[in-house]
Protein backbone atom coordinates (compact mmCIF):
# COMPACT_ATOMS: atom_id res chain seq x y z
CA MET A 1 0.00 0.00 0.00
CA LEU A 2 1.28 3.45 -0.90
CA GLU A 3 0.26 6.41 1.21
CA VAL A 4 -0.24 9.77 -0.49
CA THR A 5 -1.33 12.98 1.20
CA GLU A 6 -4.44 14.62 -0.11
CA SER A 7 -2.61 17.88 -0.79
CA ALA A 8 0.12 16.12 -2.82
CA MET A 9 -2.50 14.70 -5.17
CA MET A 10 -3.89 18.12 -5.96
CA THR A 11 -0.69 19.52 -7.48
CA ASN A 12 -1.32 18.23 -11.00
CA ILE A 13 -4.48 16.13 -10.94
CA ASP A 14 -4.19 14.86 -14.53
CA GLN A 15 -0.62 13.65 -14.02
CA VAL A 16 -1.50 12.18 -10.62
CA CYS A 17 -4.48 10.32 -12.08
CA HIS A 18 -2.36 8.86 -14.89
CA THR A 19 0.49 7.85 -12.58
CA MET A 20 -1.77 6.38 -9.89
CA SER A 21 -3.69 4.38 -12.49
CA ARG A 22 -0.49 2.86 -13.88
CA ILE A 23 0.82 2.00 -10.42
CA SER A 24 -2.56 0.57 -9.45
CA GLU A 25 -2.53 -1.67 -12.53
CA ALA A 26 0.72 -3.13 -11.19
CA GLY A 27 -1.20 -4.29 -8.09
CA LEU A 28 -0.45 -1.60 -5.53
CA VAL A 29 -3.19 0.04 -3.46
CA PHE A 30 -3.31 3.73 -2.54
CA SER A 31 -4.18 5.16 0.83
CA ILE A 32 -5.07 8.86 1.06
CA ASP A 33 -3.57 10.41 4.18
CA ASP A 34 -4.87 13.49 6.02
CA PHE A 35 -8.22 13.26 4.23
CA GLY A 36 -10.41 16.27 4.86
CA THR A 37 -7.69 18.79 5.64
CA GLY A 38 -6.67 19.90 2.16
CA PHE A 39 -8.73 20.47 -0.92
CA SER A 40 -11.07 17.54 -0.49
CA SER A 41 -12.97 16.69 -3.60
CA LEU A 42 -15.48 13.95 -4.16
CA ALA A 43 -14.04 13.68 -7.66
CA ILE A 44 -10.82 12.33 -6.08
CA LEU A 45 -12.78 9.53 -4.47
CA ARG A 46 -14.65 8.84 -7.68
CA ASP A 47 -11.86 9.10 -10.25
CA LEU A 48 -8.66 7.90 -8.60
CA PRO A 49 -7.77 4.27 -7.83
CA ILE A 50 -7.99 4.51 -4.05
CA GLY A 51 -8.32 1.60 -1.65
CA GLN A 52 -8.15 3.39 1.68
CA ILE A 53 -8.85 6.76 3.26
CA LYS A 54 -7.20 7.96 6.45
CA ILE A 55 -9.44 10.45 8.25
CA ASP A 56 -7.28 13.19 9.70
CA ARG A 57 -6.74 13.37 13.43
CA SER A 58 -8.10 16.91 13.58
CA PHE A 59 -11.60 15.42 13.17
CA VAL A 60 -11.09 12.14 15.02
CA SER A 61 -9.49 13.49 18.20
CA GLN A 62 -12.45 15.78 18.94
CA MET A 63 -15.31 13.61 17.68
CA ALA A 64 -16.38 12.57 21.21
CA GLN A 65 -16.82 16.24 22.21
CA SER A 66 -17.89 17.82 18.93
CA ASN A 67 -21.09 16.96 17.07
CA SER A 68 -19.63 18.53 13.93
CA ASP A 69 -16.46 16.43 14.03
CA PHE A 70 -18.49 13.31 14.78
CA ALA A 71 -20.73 14.03 11.78
CA ILE A 72 -17.70 14.49 9.52
CA VAL A 73 -16.13 11.21 10.66
CA GLU A 74 -19.43 9.32 10.46
CA SER A 75 -20.27 10.65 6.99
CA THR A 76 -16.78 10.10 5.64
CA ALA A 77 -16.70 6.51 6.92
CA PHE A 78 -20.11 5.81 5.39
CA LEU A 79 -19.13 7.29 2.01
CA VAL A 80 -15.74 5.57 1.90
CA HIS A 81 -17.29 2.19 2.69
CA LYS A 82 -19.90 2.68 -0.04
CA LEU A 83 -16.97 3.21 -2.44
CA ASN A 84 -15.53 -0.16 -1.32
CA CYS A 85 -12.55 1.38 0.41
CA SER A 86 -11.31 0.86 3.95
CA VAL A 87 -11.27 3.59 6.59
CA VAL A 88 -8.43 4.45 8.96
CA ALA A 89 -9.00 6.87 11.84
CA GLU A 90 -5.92 8.80 12.89
CA GLY A 91 -5.41 10.36 16.30
CA VAL A 92 -7.32 7.95 18.55
CA GLU A 93 -6.30 8.93 22.06
CA ASP A 94 -8.99 7.54 24.37
CA GLU A 95 -11.32 4.60 24.85
CA GLN A 96 -14.47 6.66 24.20
CA THR A 97 -13.26 7.67 20.74
CA ALA A 98 -12.16 4.09 19.99
CA ALA A 99 -15.61 2.79 20.95
CA LYS A 100 -17.38 5.35 18.76
CA LEU A 101 -15.16 4.46 15.80
CA LYS A 102 -15.83 0.76 16.31
CA ALA A 103 -19.57 1.46 16.36
CA LEU A 104 -19.20 3.35 13.07
CA GLY A 105 -17.51 0.33 11.50
CA CYS A 106 -14.12 1.97 11.13
CA ASP A 107 -11.73 -0.62 9.72
CA TYR A 108 -8.52 0.57 11.36
CA ALA A 109 -7.50 3.05 14.04
CA GLN A 110 -4.19 4.48 15.08
CA GLY A 111 -3.10 6.79 17.85
CA TYR A 112 -1.64 7.05 21.32
CA PHE A 113 -4.55 5.08 22.80
CA TYR A 114 -3.00 2.01 21.19
CA SER A 115 0.67 2.93 21.26
CA LYS A 116 3.07 5.80 20.97
CA PRO A 117 5.55 5.51 18.09
CA VAL A 118 8.16 2.83 18.78
CA LYS A 119 11.49 1.91 17.25
CA PHE A 120 11.58 -1.13 14.99
CA GLU A 121 13.37 -3.30 17.58
CA SER A 122 10.73 -2.53 20.20
CA PHE A 123 7.99 -3.23 17.67
CA LYS A 124 9.43 -6.66 16.86
CA GLU A 125 9.50 -7.50 20.57
CA TYR A 126 5.90 -6.30 21.01
CA ILE A 127 4.70 -8.41 18.07
CA ASN A 128 6.48 -11.51 19.36
CA GLN A 129 4.93 -11.11 22.83
CA HIS A 130 1.49 -10.34 21.41
CA THR A 131 1.58 -13.33 19.06
CA GLU A 132 2.63 -15.59 21.93
CA MET A 133 -0.27 -14.35 24.07
CA GLN A 134 -2.76 -14.87 21.25
CA ALA A 135 -1.52 -18.39 20.62
CA LYS A 136 -1.88 -19.27 24.32
CA GLN A 137 -5.39 -17.80 24.45
CA ALA A 138 -6.44 -19.61 21.28
CA PHE A 139 -5.09 -22.89 22.63
CA GLN A 140 -7.03 -22.46 25.88
CA GLU A 141 -10.24 -21.71 23.97
CA ILE A 142 -10.07 -24.83 21.79
CA PRO A 143 -12.45 -27.42 23.22
CA ALA A 144 -10.96 -30.79 24.03
CA GLN A 145 -11.28 -33.28 21.18
CA ARG A 146 -13.25 -36.43 21.87
CA PRO A 147 -12.17 -39.68 20.29
CA VAL A 148 -14.53 -40.95 17.62
């Protein structure tokens, strides 16, 4: 997946459309970062080969306190899903926001609520520990097999 900021796409829309189409034909998927902060256009969503939209943190981080921000996140998620794209919410910093995003059907979330940025070595260690925990939990949840 290649991540492109919304503002970068608006520099030369014809060239961007041509280039993104060629890259997409090669099998790569585009994710639009910071969606909603630049020169948002529904034509971008309609015309460009996009597989994912990342809703900017400026909307997500205040959606639990602001009806306007909630409406923007809710509407964007609905529209993006109808276009068969996935939705990423940036800037999730508390459980209340995470719960609201889950209720909206947000596909992915990122932010300090889950983790602060970590170095690669720390990330590898985290993944190894997390995978070990999941394997133990899955093993404990498997019902005992009865002989036939």
